[in-house]
Amino acid sequence: MKKSTPKRTLHFYLILCSMALLTVISCAFTNKEEEDSLMTYINGNIYEYKNNNYEYKNIEAELLAKFNEKKLNLITISAKEKEKEIPFRVKCLATNLIEEQSKINETINEITSKKLIIIPCINIQNNCIQLDDEDDNDIFRNKYLETVSNILKSQIQDLTLLSQTTKDIDFKILAIQTIAKLNTSLNEVKQIITVKT
């Protein structure tokens, strides 16, 4: 048997210790990168780096909060519209919008509860006050159709932004499917406006 020299043994142990140290250090850096990437994109939630720390930014909750406020506004003015004496086609539009927005709300609530996301309340301008001042049914109808058109366009913008910014596939699908429904309703509103003018 060949005897190893103490110098060789010392070199071997130094190399072995160096390799172990490098392995531990590389694992620490790898885990740090993975933690940062997980922290940055869990369920599409974004953490922005501001003032030397990460601030949580839930794009989905913010955009859906804006969307929901517009939805409530649309449902409220559509319910008011149904009380007025206006053409049957406009009343049907109001009824369809209320049903559609309610179904969209159910879908949003189902997805957000599954993902444990709470949608904050954001106050926006309520268009009912402007519509309540109108006694003339034709002026009321025109203002209603214009307001509905603006709300639907704004909802479509919110959902388009959601589909572009979210990393979560469920929210992307929700946004795309809802945009298609809202575009159909918007086209119906445009048809009623062009027939009446």
Foldseek 3Di string as FASTA:
>chain_A
DDDDDPVVVVVVVVVVVVVVVVVVVVVVVVVVVVVVVCVQAPQQWGWDQDPNDTDTHRLVLALVQVLVQLLVLLLVLLVVLCVDPDDPLSVVLSVVSNVLSVVLVVLVVVVCVVVVHDRDHDDDDRCVVVLVVDPDSVVSSVVSLVSLLVSLVVSLVSLVVQLVRGPHPSSVVSSVVSNVVSVVSNVSSVVVVVVVD
